[in-house]
PDB file of N, CA and C in Angstrom:
ATOM      1  N   MET A   1     -92.356  65.602  74.437  1.00  0.00           N
ATOM      2  CA  MET A   1     -92.472  64.719  75.571  1.00  0.00           C
ATOM      3  C   MET A   1     -91.233  64.884  76.431  1.00  0.00           C
ATOM      4  N   THR A   2     -91.408  65.049  77.717  1.00  0.00           N
ATOM      5  CA  THR A   2     -90.290  65.213  78.633  1.00  0.00           C
ATOM      6  C   THR A   2     -90.026  63.898  79.329  1.00  0.00           C
ATOM      7  N   ASN A   3     -88.796  63.428  79.250  1.00  0.00           N
ATOM      8  CA  ASN A   3     -88.403  62.206  79.941  1.00  0.00           C
ATOM      9  C   ASN A   3     -87.839  62.569  81.297  1.00  0.00           C
ATOM     10  N   LYS A   4     -88.423  62.006  82.336  1.00  0.00           N
ATOM     11  CA  LYS A   4     -87.936  62.242  83.683  1.00  0.00           C
ATOM     12  C   LYS A   4     -87.226  60.989  84.154  1.00  0.00           C
ATOM     13  N   ILE A   5     -86.100  61.164  84.783  1.00  0.00           N
ATOM     14  CA  ILE A   5     -85.319  60.047  85.286  1.00  0.00           C
ATOM     15  C   ILE A   5     -85.481  60.002  86.789  1.00  0.00           C
ATOM     16  N   ASN A   6     -85.937  58.876  87.287  1.00  0.00           N
ATOM     17  CA  ASN A   6     -86.075  58.670  88.708  1.00  0.00           C
ATOM     18  C   ASN A   6     -84.878  57.848  89.168  1.00  0.00           C
ATOM     19  N   LEU A   7     -83.972  58.467  89.903  1.00  0.00           N
ATOM     20  CA  LEU A   7     -82.760  57.778  90.329  1.00  0.00           C
ATOM     21  C   LEU A   7     -83.017  56.788  91.445  1.00  0.00           C
ATOM     22  N   ASP A   8     -84.191  56.859  92.083  1.00  0.00           N
ATOM     23  CA  ASP A   8     -84.507  55.932  93.173  1.00  0.00           C
ATOM     24  C   ASP A   8     -85.065  54.613  92.664  1.00  0.00           C
ATOM     25  N   SER A   9     -85.485  54.580  91.415  1.00  0.00           N
ATOM     26  CA  SER A   9     -86.103  53.396  90.853  1.00  0.00           C
ATOM     27  C   SER A   9     -85.070  52.558  90.104  1.00  0.00           C
ATOM     28  N   PRO A  10     -84.986  51.245  90.394  1.00  0.00           N
ATOM     29  CA  PRO A  10     -84.027  50.389  89.692  1.00  0.00           C
ATOM     30  C   PRO A  10     -84.513  49.952  88.320  1.00  0.00           C
ATOM     31  N   VAL A  11     -85.723  50.343  87.926  1.00  0.00           N
ATOM     32  CA  VAL A  11     -86.301  49.917  86.657  1.00  0.00           C
ATOM     33  C   VAL A  11     -85.923  50.912  85.564  1.00  0.00           C
ATOM     34  N   ILE A  12     -85.496  50.395  84.438  1.00  0.00           N
ATOM     35  CA  ILE A  12     -85.167  51.231  83.292  1.00  0.00           C
ATOM     36  C   ILE A  12     -86.363  51.223  82.365  1.00  0.00           C
ATOM     37  N   ALA A  13     -86.909  52.400  82.103  1.00  0.00           N
ATOM     38  CA  ALA A  13     -88.070  52.504  81.222  1.00  0.00           C
ATOM     39  C   ALA A  13     -87.603  52.720  79.795  1.00  0.00           C
ATOM     40  N   PHE A  14     -88.088  51.887  78.883  1.00  0.00           N
ATOM     41  CA  PHE A  14     -87.779  52.033  77.468  1.00  0.00           C
ATOM     42  C   PHE A  14     -88.966  52.713  76.809  1.00  0.00           C
ATOM     43  N   THR A  15     -88.719  53.869  76.236  1.00  0.00           N
ATOM     44  CA  THR A  15     -89.819  54.623  75.653  1.00  0.00           C
ATOM     45  C   THR A  15     -90.051  54.274  74.199  1.00  0.00           C
ATOM     46  N   ASP A  16     -89.016  53.828  73.508  1.00  0.00           N
ATOM     47  CA  ASP A  16     -89.163  53.541  72.088  1.00  0.00           C
ATOM     48  C   ASP A  16     -88.399  52.271  71.752  1.00  0.00           C
ATOM     49  N   ASN A  17     -89.115  51.218  71.406  1.00  0.00           N
ATOM     50  CA  ASN A  17     -88.469  49.963  71.039  1.00  0.00           C
ATOM     51  C   ASN A  17     -88.336  49.798  69.536  1.00  0.00           C
ATOM     52  N   ASP A  18     -88.636  50.850  68.777  1.00  0.00           N
ATOM     53  CA  ASP A  18     -88.542  50.795  67.331  1.00  0.00           C
ATOM     54  C   ASP A  18     -87.078  50.932  66.925  1.00  0.00           C
ATOM     55  N   LEU A  19     -86.538  49.895  66.312  1.00  0.00           N
ATOM     56  CA  LEU A  19     -85.133  49.904  65.919  1.00  0.00           C
ATOM     57  C   LEU A  19     -84.926  50.353  64.481  1.00  0.00           C
ATOM     58  N   SER A  20     -85.984  50.783  63.807  1.00  0.00           N
ATOM     59  CA  SER A  20     -85.846  51.160  62.404  1.00  0.00           C
ATOM     60  C   SER A  20     -84.984  52.398  62.209  1.00  0.00           C
ATOM     61  N   ASN A  21     -84.936  53.283  63.215  1.00  0.00           N
ATOM     62  CA  ASN A  21     -84.113  54.482  63.087  1.00  0.00           C
ATOM     63  C   ASN A  21     -82.835  54.390  63.921  1.00  0.00           C
ATOM     64  N   ALA A  22     -82.511  53.207  64.413  1.00  0.00           N
ATOM     65  CA  ALA A  22     -81.298  53.022  65.206  1.00  0.00           C
ATOM     66  C   ALA A  22     -80.077  53.067  64.291  1.00  0.00           C
ATOM     67  N   PRO A  23     -78.970  53.610  64.783  1.00  0.00           N
ATOM     68  CA  PRO A  23     -77.772  53.649  63.954  1.00  0.00           C
ATOM     69  C   PRO A  23     -77.205  52.245  63.734  1.00  0.00           C
ATOM     70  N   LEU A  24     -76.680  52.020  62.566  1.00  0.00           N
ATOM     71  CA  LEU A  24     -76.066  50.734  62.270  1.00  0.00           C
ATOM     72  C   LEU A  24     -74.672  50.686  62.874  1.00  0.00           C
ATOM     73  N   ILE A  25     -74.346  49.561  63.463  1.00  0.00           N
ATOM     74  CA  ILE A  25     -73.026  49.384  64.039  1.00  0.00           C
ATOM     75  C   ILE A  25     -72.213  48.556  63.064  1.00  0.00           C
ATOM     76  N   THR A  26     -71.146  49.142  62.590  1.00  0.00           N
ATOM     77  CA  THR A  26     -70.279  48.415  61.677  1.00  0.00           C
ATOM     78  C   THR A  26     -68.978  48.107  62.393  1.00  0.00           C
ATOM     79  N   LEU A  27     -68.442  46.979  62.095  1.00  0.00           N
ATOM     80  CA  LEU A  27     -67.208  46.554  62.732  1.00  0.00           C
ATOM     81  C   LEU A  27     -66.018  46.952  61.874  1.00  0.00           C
ATOM     82  N   THR A  28     -65.821  48.237  61.723  1.00  0.00           N
ATOM     83  CA  THR A  28     -64.643  48.716  61.030  1.00  0.00           C
ATOM     84  C   THR A  28     -63.650  49.130  62.094  1.00  0.00           C
ATOM     85  N   SER A  29     -62.536  48.500  62.077  1.00  0.00           N
ATOM     86  CA  SER A  29     -61.541  48.727  63.108  1.00  0.00           C
ATOM     87  C   SER A  29     -60.157  48.569  62.507  1.00  0.00           C
ATOM     88  N   SER A  30     -59.189  49.093  63.206  1.00  0.00           N
ATOM     89  CA  SER A  30     -57.818  48.916  62.756  1.00  0.00           C
ATOM     90  C   SER A  30     -57.283  47.549  63.163  1.00  0.00           C
ATOM     91  N   THR A  31     -58.073  46.798  63.942  1.00  0.00           N
ATOM     92  CA  THR A  31     -57.669  45.472  64.365  1.00  0.00           C
ATOM     93  C   THR A  31     -57.917  44.487  63.225  1.00  0.00           C
ATOM     94  N   PRO A  32     -56.884  43.781  62.790  1.00  0.00           N
ATOM     95  CA  PRO A  32     -57.108  42.791  61.729  1.00  0.00           C
ATOM     96  C   PRO A  32     -57.937  41.632  62.276  1.00  0.00           C
ATOM     97  N   PRO A  33     -58.632  40.911  61.398  1.00  0.00           N
ATOM     98  CA  PRO A  33     -59.444  39.785  61.871  1.00  0.00           C
ATOM     99  C   PRO A  33     -58.571  38.692  62.475  1.00  0.00           C
ATOM    100  N   LEU A  34     -59.162  37.928  63.351  1.00  0.00           N
ATOM    101  CA  LEU A  34     -58.459  36.823  64.001  1.00  0.00           C
ATOM    102  C   LEU A  34     -58.280  35.686  62.989  1.00  0.00           C
ATOM    103  N   PRO A  35     -57.047  35.336  62.652  1.00  0.00           N
ATOM    104  CA  PRO A  35     -56.847  34.257  61.675  1.00  0.00           C
ATOM    105  C   PRO A  35     -57.231  32.913  62.279  1.00  0.00           C
ATOM    106  N   PRO A  36     -57.792  32.004  61.488  1.00  0.00           N
ATOM    107  CA  PRO A  36     -58.215  30.711  62.039  1.00  0.00           C
ATOM    108  C   PRO A  36     -57.047  29.805  62.435  1.00  0.00           C
ATOM    109  N   GLN A  37     -55.897  30.023  61.874  1.00  0.00           N
ATOM    110  CA  GLN A  37     -54.740  29.221  62.244  1.00  0.00           C
ATOM    111  C   GLN A  37     -53.865  30.024  63.211  1.00  0.00           C
ATOM    112  N   GLY A  38     -53.045  29.314  63.939  1.00  0.00           N
ATOM    113  CA  GLY A  38     -52.123  29.981  64.846  1.00  0.00           C
ATOM    114  C   GLY A  38     -52.692  30.161  66.243  1.00  0.00           C
ATOM    115  N   MET A  39     -51.955  30.934  67.038  1.00  0.00           N
ATOM    116  CA  MET A  39     -52.320  31.166  68.425  1.00  0.00           C
ATOM    117  C   MET A  39     -52.234  32.658  68.720  1.00  0.00           C
ATOM    118  N   SER A  40     -52.982  33.088  69.749  1.00  0.00           N
ATOM    119  CA  SER A  40     -52.981  34.495  70.133  1.00  0.00           C
ATOM    120  C   SER A  40     -52.890  34.618  71.643  1.00  0.00           C
ATOM    121  N   ARG A  41     -52.242  35.665  72.076  1.00  0.00           N
ATOM    122  CA  ARG A  41     -52.157  35.968  73.505  1.00  0.00           C
ATOM    123  C   ARG A  41     -53.404  36.734  73.923  1.00  0.00           C
ATOM    124  N   ALA A  42     -53.572  36.907  75.220  1.00  0.00           N
ATOM    125  CA  ALA A  42     -54.773  37.544  75.756  1.00  0.00           C
ATOM    126  C   ALA A  42     -54.971  38.941  75.169  1.00  0.00           C
ATOM    127  N   SER A  43     -53.908  39.718  75.096  1.00  0.00           N
ATOM    128  CA  SER A  43     -54.039  41.094  74.588  1.00  0.00           C
ATOM    129  C   SER A  43     -54.490  41.124  73.130  1.00  0.00           C
ATOM    130  N   GLN A  44     -54.184  40.079  72.374  1.00  0.00           N
ATOM    131  CA  GLN A  44     -54.600  40.004  70.985  1.00  0.00           C
ATOM    132  C   GLN A  44     -56.036  39.514  70.840  1.00  0.00           C
ATOM    133  N   LEU A  45     -56.535  38.773  71.833  1.00  0.00           N
ATOM    134  CA  LEU A  45     -57.897  38.244  71.783  1.00  0.00           C
ATOM    135  C   LEU A  45     -58.937  39.228  72.295  1.00  0.00           C
ATOM    136  N   LEU A  46     -58.568  40.035  73.261  1.00  0.00           N
ATOM    137  CA  LEU A  46     -59.549  40.894  73.933  1.00  0.00           C
ATOM    138  C   LEU A  46     -60.361  41.794  73.005  1.00  0.00           C
ATOM    139  N   PRO A  47     -59.799  42.335  71.905  1.00  0.00           N
ATOM    140  CA  PRO A  47     -60.647  43.144  71.011  1.00  0.00           C
ATOM    141  C   PRO A  47     -61.804  42.361  70.379  1.00  0.00           C
ATOM    142  N   PHE A  48     -61.708  41.039  70.339  1.00  0.00           N
ATOM    143  CA  PHE A  48     -62.739  40.212  69.724  1.00  0.00           C
ATOM    144  C   PHE A  48     -63.743  39.670  70.734  1.00  0.00           C
ATOM    145  N   LEU A  49     -63.479  39.843  72.021  1.00  0.00           N
ATOM    146  CA  LEU A  49     -64.300  39.246  73.060  1.00  0.00           C
ATOM    147  C   LEU A  49     -65.207  40.273  73.724  1.00  0.00           C
ATOM    148  N   PRO A  50     -66.391  39.834  74.153  1.00  0.00           N
ATOM    149  CA  PRO A  50     -67.333  40.764  74.793  1.00  0.00           C
ATOM    150  C   PRO A  50     -67.092  40.923  76.289  1.00  0.00           C
ATOM    151  N   PHE A  51     -65.883  40.627  76.751  1.00  0.00           N
ATOM    152  CA  PHE A  51     -65.554  40.766  78.161  1.00  0.00           C
ATOM    153  C   PHE A  51     -64.091  41.120  78.303  1.00  0.00           C
ATOM    154  N   GLY A  52     -63.671  41.357  79.523  1.00  0.00           N
ATOM    155  CA  GLY A  52     -62.316  41.818  79.783  1.00  0.00           C
ATOM    156  C   GLY A  52     -61.351  40.719  80.178  1.00  0.00           C
ATOM    157  N   SER A  53     -60.185  41.144  80.556  1.00  0.00           N
ATOM    158  CA  SER A  53     -59.071  40.245  80.860  1.00  0.00           C
ATOM    159  C   SER A  53     -59.356  39.319  82.038  1.00  0.00           C
ATOM    160  N   SER A  54     -59.891  39.860  83.118  1.00  0.00           N
ATOM    161  CA  SER A  54     -60.119  39.017  84.298  1.00  0.00           C
ATOM    162  C   SER A  54     -61.178  37.948  84.010  1.00  0.00           C
ATOM    163  N   THR A  55     -62.191  38.277  83.213  1.00  0.00           N
ATOM    164  CA  THR A  55     -63.198  37.285  82.840  1.00  0.00           C
ATOM    165  C   THR A  55     -62.590  36.238  81.911  1.00  0.00           C
ATOM    166  N   LEU A  56     -61.716  36.651  81.020  1.00  0.00           N
ATOM    167  CA  LEU A  56     -61.038  35.707  80.125  1.00  0.00           C
ATOM    168  C   LEU A  56     -60.313  34.639  80.933  1.00  0.00           C
ATOM    169  N   TRP A  57     -59.547  35.070  81.914  1.00  0.00           N
ATOM    170  CA  TRP A  57     -58.786  34.111  82.734  1.00  0.00           C
ATOM    171  C   TRP A  57     -59.699  33.255  83.600  1.00  0.00           C
ATOM    172  N   ALA A  58     -60.725  33.861  84.195  1.00  0.00           N
ATOM    173  CA  ALA A  58     -61.640  33.098  85.049  1.00  0.00           C
ATOM    174  C   ALA A  58     -62.417  32.068  84.240  1.00  0.00           C
ATOM    175  N   TRP A  59     -62.947  32.474  83.090  1.00  0.00           N
ATOM    176  CA  TRP A  59     -63.720  31.549  82.258  1.00  0.00           C
ATOM    177  C   TRP A  59     -62.834  30.459  81.658  1.00  0.00           C
ATOM    178  N   SER A  60     -61.580  30.771  81.355  1.00  0.00           N
ATOM    179  CA  SER A  60     -60.657  29.747  80.858  1.00  0.00           C
ATOM    180  C   SER A  60     -60.373  28.721  81.951  1.00  0.00           C
ATOM    181  N   ARG A  61     -60.279  29.202  83.171  1.00  0.00           N
ATOM    182  CA  ARG A  61     -59.985  28.327  84.304  1.00  0.00           C
ATOM    183  C   ARG A  61     -61.160  27.396  84.614  1.00  0.00           C
ATOM    184  N   ASP A  62     -62.395  27.919  84.529  1.00  0.00           N
ATOM    185  CA  ASP A  62     -63.539  27.080  84.911  1.00  0.00           C
ATOM    186  C   ASP A  62     -64.232  26.395  83.727  1.00  0.00           C
ATOM    187  N   GLY A  63     -63.700  26.530  82.510  1.00  0.00           N
ATOM    188  CA  GLY A  63     -64.204  25.772  81.370  1.00  0.00           C
ATOM    189  C   GLY A  63     -65.264  26.458  80.533  1.00  0.00           C
ATOM    190  N   ARG A  64     -65.621  27.698  80.828  1.00  0.00           N
ATOM    191  CA  ARG A  64     -66.619  28.404  80.012  1.00  0.00           C
ATOM    192  C   ARG A  64     -66.007  29.010  78.753  1.00  0.00           C
ATOM    193  N   PHE A  65     -64.694  29.017  78.667  1.00  0.00           N
ATOM    194  CA  PHE A  65     -63.958  29.521  77.510  1.00  0.00           C
ATOM    195  C   PHE A  65     -62.842  28.515  77.241  1.00  0.00           C
ATOM    196  N   PRO A  66     -62.378  28.399  75.995  1.00  0.00           N
ATOM    197  CA  PRO A  66     -61.318  27.425  75.703  1.00  0.00           C
ATOM    198  C   PRO A  66     -60.091  27.619  76.595  1.00  0.00           C
ATOM    199  N   ALA A  67     -59.468  26.516  76.928  1.00  0.00           N
ATOM    200  CA  ALA A  67     -58.286  26.551  77.787  1.00  0.00           C
ATOM    201  C   ALA A  67     -57.074  27.062  77.011  1.00  0.00           C
ATOM    202  N   PRO A  68     -56.238  27.846  77.658  1.00  0.00           N
ATOM    203  CA  PRO A  68     -55.024  28.308  76.994  1.00  0.00           C
ATOM    204  C   PRO A  68     -53.945  27.234  77.007  1.00  0.00           C
ATOM    205  N   VAL A  69     -52.907  27.479  76.237  1.00  0.00           N
ATOM    206  CA  VAL A  69     -51.752  26.591  76.171  1.00  0.00           C
ATOM    207  C   VAL A  69     -50.565  27.347  76.755  1.00  0.00           C
ATOM    208  N   LYS A  70     -49.868  26.719  77.667  1.00  0.00           N
ATOM    209  CA  LYS A  70     -48.690  27.330  78.276  1.00  0.00           C
ATOM    210  C   LYS A  70     -47.496  27.086  77.353  1.00  0.00           C
ATOM    211  N   LEU A  71     -46.998  28.151  76.722  1.00  0.00           N
ATOM    212  CA  LEU A  71     -45.896  28.020  75.772  1.00  0.00           C
ATOM    213  C   LEU A  71     -44.539  28.073  76.455  1.00  0.00           C
ATOM    214  N   SER A  72     -44.466  28.801  77.537  1.00  0.00           N
ATOM    215  CA  SER A  72     -43.242  28.891  78.334  1.00  0.00           C
ATOM    216  C   SER A  72     -43.672  29.305  79.740  1.00  0.00           C
ATOM    217  N   PRO A  73     -42.750  29.393  80.693  1.00  0.00           N
ATOM    218  CA  PRO A  73     -43.160  29.797  82.042  1.00  0.00           C
ATOM    219  C   PRO A  73     -43.827  31.177  82.102  1.00  0.00           C
ATOM    220  N   THR A  74     -43.546  32.026  81.135  1.00  0.00           N
ATOM    221  CA  THR A  74     -44.114  33.372  81.174  1.00  0.00           C
ATOM    222  C   THR A  74     -45.030  33.688  79.985  1.00  0.00           C
ATOM    223  N   MET A  75     -45.342  32.694  79.152  1.00  0.00           N
ATOM    224  CA  MET A  75     -46.154  32.964  77.959  1.00  0.00           C
ATOM    225  C   MET A  75     -47.278  31.944  77.828  1.00  0.00           C
ATOM    226  N   THR A  76     -48.505  32.481  77.715  1.00  0.00           N
ATOM    227  CA  THR A  76     -49.697  31.663  77.540  1.00  0.00           C
ATOM    228  C   THR A  76     -50.446  32.173  76.319  1.00  0.00           C
ATOM    229  N   ALA A  77     -50.998  31.266  75.536  1.00  0.00           N
ATOM    230  CA  ALA A  77     -51.734  31.655  74.332  1.00  0.00           C
ATOM    231  C   ALA A  77     -52.925  30.727  74.136  1.00  0.00           C
ATOM    232  N   TRP A  78     -53.880  31.170  73.339  1.00  0.00           N
ATOM    233  CA  TRP A  78     -55.068  30.399  73.002  1.00  0.00           C
ATOM    234  C   TRP A  78     -55.012  30.040  71.532  1.00  0.00           C
ATOM    235  N   ARG A  79     -55.497  28.852  71.182  1.00  0.00           N
ATOM    236  CA  ARG A  79     -55.596  28.458  69.777  1.00  0.00           C
ATOM    237  C   ARG A  79     -56.707  29.283  69.132  1.00  0.00           C
ATOM    238  N   ASN A  80     -56.383  29.967  68.042  1.00  0.00           N
ATOM    239  CA  ASN A  80     -57.365  30.818  67.368  1.00  0.00           C
ATOM    240  C   ASN A  80     -58.584  30.032  66.909  1.00  0.00           C
ATOM    241  N   ALA A  81     -58.385  28.822  66.420  1.00  0.00           N
ATOM    242  CA  ALA A  81     -59.512  28.009  65.949  1.00  0.00           C
ATOM    243  C   ALA A  81     -60.483  27.727  67.094  1.00  0.00           C
ATOM    244  N   ASP A  82     -59.959  27.458  68.294  1.00  0.00           N
ATOM    245  CA  ASP A  82     -60.823  27.208  69.457  1.00  0.00           C
ATOM    246  C   ASP A  82     -61.617  28.458  69.824  1.00  0.00           C
ATOM    247  N   VAL A  83     -60.968  29.607  69.769  1.00  0.00           N
ATOM    248  CA  VAL A  83     -61.638  30.865  70.117  1.00  0.00           C
ATOM    249  C   VAL A  83     -62.718  31.189  69.080  1.00  0.00           C
ATOM    250  N   ILE A  84     -62.413  31.006  67.809  1.00  0.00           N
ATOM    251  CA  ILE A  84     -63.396  31.271  66.752  1.00  0.00           C
ATOM    252  C   ILE A  84     -64.589  30.336  66.894  1.00  0.00           C
ATOM    253  N   ASP A  85     -64.339  29.057  67.180  1.00  0.00           N
ATOM    254  CA  ASP A  85     -65.440  28.108  67.400  1.00  0.00           C
ATOM    255  C   ASP A  85     -66.290  28.540  68.592  1.00  0.00           C
ATOM    256  N   TRP A  86     -65.648  28.994  69.669  1.00  0.00           N
ATOM    257  CA  TRP A  86     -66.382  29.450  70.853  1.00  0.00           C
ATOM    258  C   TRP A  86     -67.244  30.663  70.507  1.00  0.00           C
ATOM    259  N   LEU A  87     -66.665  31.623  69.791  1.00  0.00           N
ATOM    260  CA  LEU A  87     -67.428  32.812  69.404  1.00  0.00           C
ATOM    261  C   LEU A  87     -68.629  32.440  68.547  1.00  0.00           C
ATOM    262  N   ASN A  88     -68.438  31.542  67.580  1.00  0.00           N
ATOM    263  CA  ASN A  88     -69.543  31.100  66.721  1.00  0.00           C
ATOM    264  C   ASN A  88     -70.616  30.367  67.523  1.00  0.00           C
ATOM    265  N   SER A  89     -70.208  29.578  68.513  1.00  0.00           N
ATOM    266  CA  SER A  89     -71.196  28.876  69.329  1.00  0.00           C
ATOM    267  C   SER A  89     -71.989  29.853  70.191  1.00  0.00           C
ATOM    268  N   GLN A  90     -71.373  30.956  70.609  1.00  0.00           N
ATOM    269  CA  GLN A  90     -72.092  31.964  71.380  1.00  0.00           C
ATOM    270  C   GLN A  90     -73.108  32.681  70.521  1.00  0.00           C
ATOM    271  N   ILE A  91     -72.766  32.928  69.275  1.00  0.00           N
ATOM    272  CA  ILE A  91     -73.692  33.594  68.361  1.00  0.00           C
ATOM    273  C   ILE A  91     -74.886  32.697  68.083  1.00  0.00           C
ATOM    274  N   THR A  92     -74.651  31.415  67.821  1.00  0.00           N
ATOM    275  CA  THR A  92     -75.752  30.512  67.516  1.00  0.00           C
ATOM    276  C   THR A  92     -76.597  30.234  68.745  1.00  0.00           C
ATOM    277  N   SER A  93     -76.004  30.176  69.933  1.00  0.00           N
ATOM    278  CA  SER A  93     -76.797  29.908  71.134  1.00  0.00           C
ATOM    279  C   SER A  93     -77.652  31.101  71.511  1.00  0.00           C
ATOM    280  N   THR A  94     -77.175  32.316  71.285  1.00  0.00           N
ATOM    281  CA  THR A  94     -77.995  33.483  71.624  1.00  0.00           C
ATOM    282  C   THR A  94     -79.098  33.709  70.596  1.00  0.00           C
ATOM    283  N   THR A  95     -78.864  33.389  69.338  1.00  0.00           N
ATOM    284  CA  THR A  95     -79.914  33.575  68.338  1.00  0.00           C
ATOM    285  C   THR A  95     -80.982  32.476  68.463  1.00  0.00           C
ATOM    286  N   SER A  96     -80.615  31.287  68.931  1.00  0.00           N
ATOM    287  CA  SER A  96     -81.605  30.227  69.085  1.00  0.00           C
ATOM    288  C   SER A  96     -82.469  30.454  70.317  1.00  0.00           C
ATOM    289  N   GLU A  97     -82.004  31.245  71.275  1.00  0.00           N
ATOM    290  CA  GLU A  97     -82.792  31.529  72.479  1.00  0.00           C
ATOM    291  C   GLU A  97     -83.850  32.593  72.205  1.00  0.00           C
ATOM    292  N   VAL A  98     -83.656  33.389  71.155  1.00  0.00           N
ATOM    293  CA  VAL A  98     -84.580  34.484  70.883  1.00  0.00           C
ATOM    294  C   VAL A  98     -85.814  34.026  70.233  1.00  0.00           C
TER     295      VAL A  98
END
């Protein structure tokens, strides 16, 4: 079967929705897990988040992500427990919508 790609069409055609032969994604990384206690800076949180730095700051500002704590004039961090709770709530909200 030859798959032709039409660049003029905004619709993405899925030819095979069978996930039985899809590769398994394992979360093996050199990044240690986020500890539930303590605080982390943005660069330490980003490997665990499904978005980038600018979204982290925007969502923190408008309340869609936990608010950071200003530790000094040049240092801001997030409570790890708040971030873990947010991540868990995202997992449960997306699985309940399916």
